Amino acid sequence: RSGFEVAGDISVTARRDGQLDLMADALTDHVDLDALLGLLDGVPARPVIGTSLGSVGT
């Protein structure tokens, strides 16, 4: 079957690995990976806001 053929001096695997390394470096530099991985354990609880009526300082 005729079609696109990669040149013999090109390593597709090496290029793909290089692209994955670049993406991993960008994620490490710009994303809080600990917070992102923490989401795998479940979403954080919603904050609770309490209110009360009364005099200030009591």
PDB file of N, CA and C in Angstrom:
ATOM      1  N   ARG A   1       0.848  -1.177   0.000  1.00  0.00           N
ATOM      2  CA  ARG A   1       0.000   0.000   0.000  1.00  0.00           C
ATOM      3  C   ARG A   1       0.892   1.239   0.000  1.00  0.00           C
ATOM      4  N   SER A   2       0.618   2.153  -0.877  1.00  0.00           N
ATOM      5  CA  SER A   2       1.428   3.370  -0.936  1.00  0.00           C
ATOM      6  C   SER A   2       0.873   4.402   0.036  1.00  0.00           C
ATOM      7  N   GLY A   3       1.742   5.287   0.456  1.00  0.00           N
ATOM      8  CA  GLY A   3       1.325   6.333   1.383  1.00  0.00           C
ATOM      9  C   GLY A   3       2.543   6.992   2.001  1.00  0.00           C
ATOM     10  N   PHE A   4       2.322   7.655   3.100  1.00  0.00           N
ATOM     11  CA  PHE A   4       3.395   8.372   3.783  1.00  0.00           C
ATOM     12  C   PHE A   4       4.382   7.390   4.395  1.00  0.00           C
ATOM     13  N   GLU A   5       5.652   7.632   4.173  1.00  0.00           N
ATOM     14  CA  GLU A   5       6.694   6.820   4.791  1.00  0.00           C
ATOM     15  C   GLU A   5       7.663   7.750   5.499  1.00  0.00           C
ATOM     16  N   VAL A   6       7.997   7.389   6.714  1.00  0.00           N
ATOM     17  CA  VAL A   6       8.934   8.187   7.505  1.00  0.00           C
ATOM     18  C   VAL A   6      10.340   7.953   6.972  1.00  0.00           C
ATOM     19  N   ALA A   7      11.105   9.026   6.893  1.00  0.00           N
ATOM     20  CA  ALA A   7      12.485   8.907   6.433  1.00  0.00           C
ATOM     21  C   ALA A   7      13.253   7.968   7.359  1.00  0.00           C
ATOM     22  N   GLY A   8      14.196   7.265   6.798  1.00  0.00           N
ATOM     23  CA  GLY A   8      14.952   6.278   7.557  1.00  0.00           C
ATOM     24  C   GLY A   8      15.748   6.846   8.717  1.00  0.00           C
ATOM     25  N   ASP A   9      16.130   8.137   8.637  1.00  0.00           N
ATOM     26  CA  ASP A   9      16.940   8.721   9.707  1.00  0.00           C
ATOM     27  C   ASP A   9      16.084   9.371  10.798  1.00  0.00           C
ATOM     28  N   ILE A  10      14.781   9.189  10.774  1.00  0.00           N
ATOM     29  CA  ILE A  10      13.867   9.761  11.770  1.00  0.00           C
ATOM     30  C   ILE A  10      13.380   8.653  12.699  1.00  0.00           C
ATOM     31  N   SER A  11      13.505   8.890  13.992  1.00  0.00           N
ATOM     32  CA  SER A  11      12.984   7.940  14.973  1.00  0.00           C
ATOM     33  C   SER A  11      11.678   8.500  15.531  1.00  0.00           C
ATOM     34  N   VAL A  12      10.573   7.929  15.086  1.00  0.00           N
ATOM     35  CA  VAL A  12       9.260   8.387  15.537  1.00  0.00           C
ATOM     36  C   VAL A  12       9.130   8.199  17.045  1.00  0.00           C
ATOM     37  N   THR A  13       9.623   7.084  17.561  1.00  0.00           N
ATOM     38  CA  THR A  13       9.551   6.808  18.999  1.00  0.00           C
ATOM     39  C   THR A  13      10.316   7.859  19.792  1.00  0.00           C
ATOM     40  N   ALA A  14      11.506   8.214  19.342  1.00  0.00           N
ATOM     41  CA  ALA A  14      12.305   9.221  20.043  1.00  0.00           C
ATOM     42  C   ALA A  14      11.620  10.586  20.002  1.00  0.00           C
ATOM     43  N   ARG A  15      11.021  10.924  18.879  1.00  0.00           N
ATOM     44  CA  ARG A  15      10.304  12.207  18.786  1.00  0.00           C
ATOM     45  C   ARG A  15       9.104  12.234  19.708  1.00  0.00           C
ATOM     46  N   ARG A  16       8.351  11.142  19.758  1.00  0.00           N
ATOM     47  CA  ARG A  16       7.182  11.062  20.630  1.00  0.00           C
ATOM     48  C   ARG A  16       7.624  11.166  22.095  1.00  0.00           C
ATOM     49  N   ASP A  17       8.690  10.453  22.454  1.00  0.00           N
ATOM     50  CA  ASP A  17       9.199  10.526  23.823  1.00  0.00           C
ATOM     51  C   ASP A  17       9.639  11.947  24.168  1.00  0.00           C
ATOM     52  N   GLY A  18      10.256  12.631  23.220  1.00  0.00           N
ATOM     53  CA  GLY A  18      10.664  14.015  23.447  1.00  0.00           C
ATOM     54  C   GLY A  18       9.479  14.931  23.682  1.00  0.00           C
ATOM     55  N   GLN A  19       8.404  14.731  22.919  1.00  0.00           N
ATOM     56  CA  GLN A  19       7.198  15.538  23.106  1.00  0.00           C
ATOM     57  C   GLN A  19       6.562  15.266  24.467  1.00  0.00           C
ATOM     58  N   LEU A  20       6.539  14.007  24.886  1.00  0.00           N
ATOM     59  CA  LEU A  20       5.988  13.670  26.202  1.00  0.00           C
ATOM     60  C   LEU A  20       6.835  14.269  27.321  1.00  0.00           C
ATOM     61  N   ASP A  21       8.158  14.277  27.147  1.00  0.00           N
ATOM     62  CA  ASP A  21       9.038  14.895  28.139  1.00  0.00           C
ATOM     63  C   ASP A  21       8.774  16.393  28.248  1.00  0.00           C
ATOM     64  N   LEU A  22       8.580  17.063  27.105  1.00  0.00           N
ATOM     65  CA  LEU A  22       8.274  18.496  27.127  1.00  0.00           C
ATOM     66  C   LEU A  22       6.962  18.772  27.852  1.00  0.00           C
ATOM     67  N   MET A  23       5.952  17.948  27.591  1.00  0.00           N
ATOM     68  CA  MET A  23       4.667  18.131  28.248  1.00  0.00           C
ATOM     69  C   MET A  23       4.792  17.885  29.751  1.00  0.00           C
ATOM     70  N   ALA A  24       5.538  16.864  30.141  1.00  0.00           N
ATOM     71  CA  ALA A  24       5.732  16.574  31.560  1.00  0.00           C
ATOM     72  C   ALA A  24       6.459  17.725  32.247  1.00  0.00           C
ATOM     73  N   ASP A  25       7.465  18.291  31.599  1.00  0.00           N
ATOM     74  CA  ASP A  25       8.186  19.433  32.169  1.00  0.00           C
ATOM     75  C   ASP A  25       7.268  20.639  32.328  1.00  0.00           C
ATOM     76  N   ALA A  26       6.419  20.895  31.348  1.00  0.00           N
ATOM     77  CA  ALA A  26       5.487  22.025  31.433  1.00  0.00           C
ATOM     78  C   ALA A  26       4.502  21.822  32.580  1.00  0.00           C
ATOM     79  N   LEU A  27       3.993  20.609  32.743  1.00  0.00           N
ATOM     80  CA  LEU A  27       3.074  20.329  33.850  1.00  0.00           C
ATOM     81  C   LEU A  27       3.766  20.521  35.193  1.00  0.00           C
ATOM     82  N   THR A  28       4.985  20.028  35.307  1.00  0.00           N
ATOM     83  CA  THR A  28       5.730  20.161  36.558  1.00  0.00           C
ATOM     84  C   THR A  28       5.977  21.631  36.892  1.00  0.00           C
ATOM     85  N   ASP A  29       6.257  22.440  35.880  1.00  0.00           N
ATOM     86  CA  ASP A  29       6.568  23.854  36.095  1.00  0.00           C
ATOM     87  C   ASP A  29       5.338  24.716  36.375  1.00  0.00           C
ATOM     88  N   HIS A  30       4.173  24.354  35.859  1.00  0.00           N
ATOM     89  CA  HIS A  30       3.038  25.269  35.880  1.00  0.00           C
ATOM     90  C   HIS A  30       1.779  24.758  36.568  1.00  0.00           C
ATOM     91  N   VAL A  31       1.787  23.525  37.058  1.00  0.00           N
ATOM     92  CA  VAL A  31       0.584  22.955  37.666  1.00  0.00           C
ATOM     93  C   VAL A  31       0.930  22.444  39.058  1.00  0.00           C
ATOM     94  N   ASP A  32       0.052  22.691  40.026  1.00  0.00           N
ATOM     95  CA  ASP A  32       0.222  22.143  41.369  1.00  0.00           C
ATOM     96  C   ASP A  32      -0.169  20.667  41.307  1.00  0.00           C
ATOM     97  N   LEU A  33       0.826  19.832  41.032  1.00  0.00           N
ATOM     98  CA  LEU A  33       0.545  18.413  40.814  1.00  0.00           C
ATOM     99  C   LEU A  33       0.009  17.730  42.069  1.00  0.00           C
ATOM    100  N   ASP A  34       0.472  18.156  43.265  1.00  0.00           N
ATOM    101  CA  ASP A  34      -0.049  17.561  44.499  1.00  0.00           C
ATOM    102  C   ASP A  34      -1.542  17.826  44.635  1.00  0.00           C
ATOM    103  N   ALA A  35      -1.965  19.054  44.330  1.00  0.00           N
ATOM    104  CA  ALA A  35      -3.394  19.382  44.401  1.00  0.00           C
ATOM    105  C   ALA A  35      -4.173  18.613  43.336  1.00  0.00           C
ATOM    106  N   LEU A  36      -3.607  18.519  42.156  1.00  0.00           N
ATOM    107  CA  LEU A  36      -4.275  17.797  41.076  1.00  0.00           C
ATOM    108  C   LEU A  36      -4.426  16.316  41.415  1.00  0.00           C
ATOM    109  N   LEU A  37      -3.362  15.709  41.912  1.00  0.00           N
ATOM    110  CA  LEU A  37      -3.428  14.296  42.287  1.00  0.00           C
ATOM    111  C   LEU A  37      -4.333  14.087  43.492  1.00  0.00           C
ATOM    112  N   GLY A  38      -4.432  15.102  44.368  1.00  0.00           N
ATOM    113  CA  GLY A  38      -5.335  15.016  45.509  1.00  0.00           C
ATOM    114  C   GLY A  38      -6.784  14.897  45.085  1.00  0.00           C
ATOM    115  N   LEU A  39      -7.121  15.412  43.921  1.00  0.00           N
ATOM    116  CA  LEU A  39      -8.490  15.300  43.422  1.00  0.00           C
ATOM    117  C   LEU A  39      -8.868  13.855  43.118  1.00  0.00           C
ATOM    118  N   LEU A  40      -7.877  13.001  42.925  1.00  0.00           N
ATOM    119  CA  LEU A  40      -8.165  11.587  42.691  1.00  0.00           C
ATOM    120  C   LEU A  40      -8.763  10.935  43.932  1.00  0.00           C
ATOM    121  N   ASP A  41      -8.469  11.505  45.115  1.00  0.00           N
ATOM    122  CA  ASP A  41      -9.015  10.978  46.368  1.00  0.00           C
ATOM    123  C   ASP A  41     -10.433  11.460  46.610  1.00  0.00           C
ATOM    124  N   GLY A  42     -10.899  12.404  45.832  1.00  0.00           N
ATOM    125  CA  GLY A  42     -12.239  12.962  45.981  1.00  0.00           C
ATOM    126  C   GLY A  42     -12.156  14.472  45.998  1.00  0.00           C
ATOM    127  N   VAL A  43     -13.275  15.089  45.736  1.00  0.00           N
ATOM    128  CA  VAL A  43     -13.299  16.549  45.710  1.00  0.00           C
ATOM    129  C   VAL A  43     -13.213  17.092  47.125  1.00  0.00           C
ATOM    130  N   PRO A  44     -12.658  18.284  47.302  1.00  0.00           N
ATOM    131  CA  PRO A  44     -12.599  18.881  48.634  1.00  0.00           C
ATOM    132  C   PRO A  44     -14.005  19.197  49.148  1.00  0.00           C
ATOM    133  N   ALA A  45     -14.140  19.198  50.463  1.00  0.00           N
ATOM    134  CA  ALA A  45     -15.428  19.531  51.070  1.00  0.00           C
ATOM    135  C   ALA A  45     -15.753  20.996  50.809  1.00  0.00           C
ATOM    136  N   ARG A  46     -17.033  21.282  50.701  1.00  0.00           N
ATOM    137  CA  ARG A  46     -17.449  22.674  50.524  1.00  0.00           C
ATOM    138  C   ARG A  46     -17.225  23.426  51.828  1.00  0.00           C
ATOM    139  N   PRO A  47     -16.842  24.687  51.741  1.00  0.00           N
ATOM    140  CA  PRO A  47     -16.669  25.465  52.972  1.00  0.00           C
ATOM    141  C   PRO A  47     -18.019  25.740  53.627  1.00  0.00           C
ATOM    142  N   VAL A  48     -17.997  25.849  54.947  1.00  0.00           N
ATOM    143  CA  VAL A  48     -19.207  26.153  55.706  1.00  0.00           C
ATOM    144  C   VAL A  48     -19.078  27.574  56.231  1.00  0.00           C
ATOM    145  N   ILE A  49     -20.087  28.381  55.965  1.00  0.00           N
ATOM    146  CA  ILE A  49     -20.095  29.764  56.442  1.00  0.00           C
ATOM    147  C   ILE A  49     -21.161  29.864  57.515  1.00  0.00           C
ATOM    148  N   GLY A  50     -20.722  30.203  58.714  1.00  0.00           N
ATOM    149  CA  GLY A  50     -21.668  30.328  59.821  1.00  0.00           C
ATOM    150  C   GLY A  50     -22.001  31.787  60.079  1.00  0.00           C
ATOM    151  N   THR A  51     -23.228  32.037  60.488  1.00  0.00           N
ATOM    152  CA  THR A  51     -23.640  33.396  60.841  1.00  0.00           C
ATOM    153  C   THR A  51     -24.383  33.344  62.160  1.00  0.00           C
ATOM    154  N   SER A  52     -24.320  34.441  62.860  1.00  0.00           N
ATOM    155  CA  SER A  52     -25.090  34.539  64.103  1.00  0.00           C
ATOM    156  C   SER A  52     -25.458  35.997  64.331  1.00  0.00           C
ATOM    157  N   LEU A  53     -26.536  36.217  65.043  1.00  0.00           N
ATOM    158  CA  LEU A  53     -26.968  37.561  65.384  1.00  0.00           C
ATOM    159  C   LEU A  53     -26.535  37.853  66.807  1.00  0.00           C
ATOM    160  N   GLY A  54     -26.094  39.037  67.032  1.00  0.00           N
ATOM    161  CA  GLY A  54     -25.690  39.414  68.380  1.00  0.00           C
ATOM    162  C   GLY A  54     -24.850  40.668  68.342  1.00  0.00           C
ATOM    163  N   SER A  55     -24.472  41.126  69.493  1.00  0.00           N
ATOM    164  CA  SER A  55     -23.653  42.327  69.602  1.00  0.00           C
ATOM    165  C   SER A  55     -22.210  41.996  69.265  1.00  0.00           C
ATOM    166  N   VAL A  56     -21.549  42.959  68.688  1.00  0.00           N
ATOM    167  CA  VAL A  56     -20.144  42.790  68.366  1.00  0.00           C
ATOM    168  C   VAL A  56     -19.364  42.774  69.670  1.00  0.00           C
ATOM    169  N   GLY A  57     -18.456  41.830  69.805  1.00  0.00           N
ATOM    170  CA  GLY A  57     -17.613  41.777  70.987  1.00  0.00           C
ATOM    171  C   GLY A  57     -18.165  40.919  72.105  1.00  0.00           C
ATOM    172  N   THR A  58     -19.309  40.277  71.934  1.00  0.00           N
ATOM    173  CA  THR A  58     -19.825  39.410  72.998  1.00  0.00           C
ATOM    174  C   THR A  58     -19.626  37.972  72.649  1.00  0.00           C
TER     175      THR A  58
END
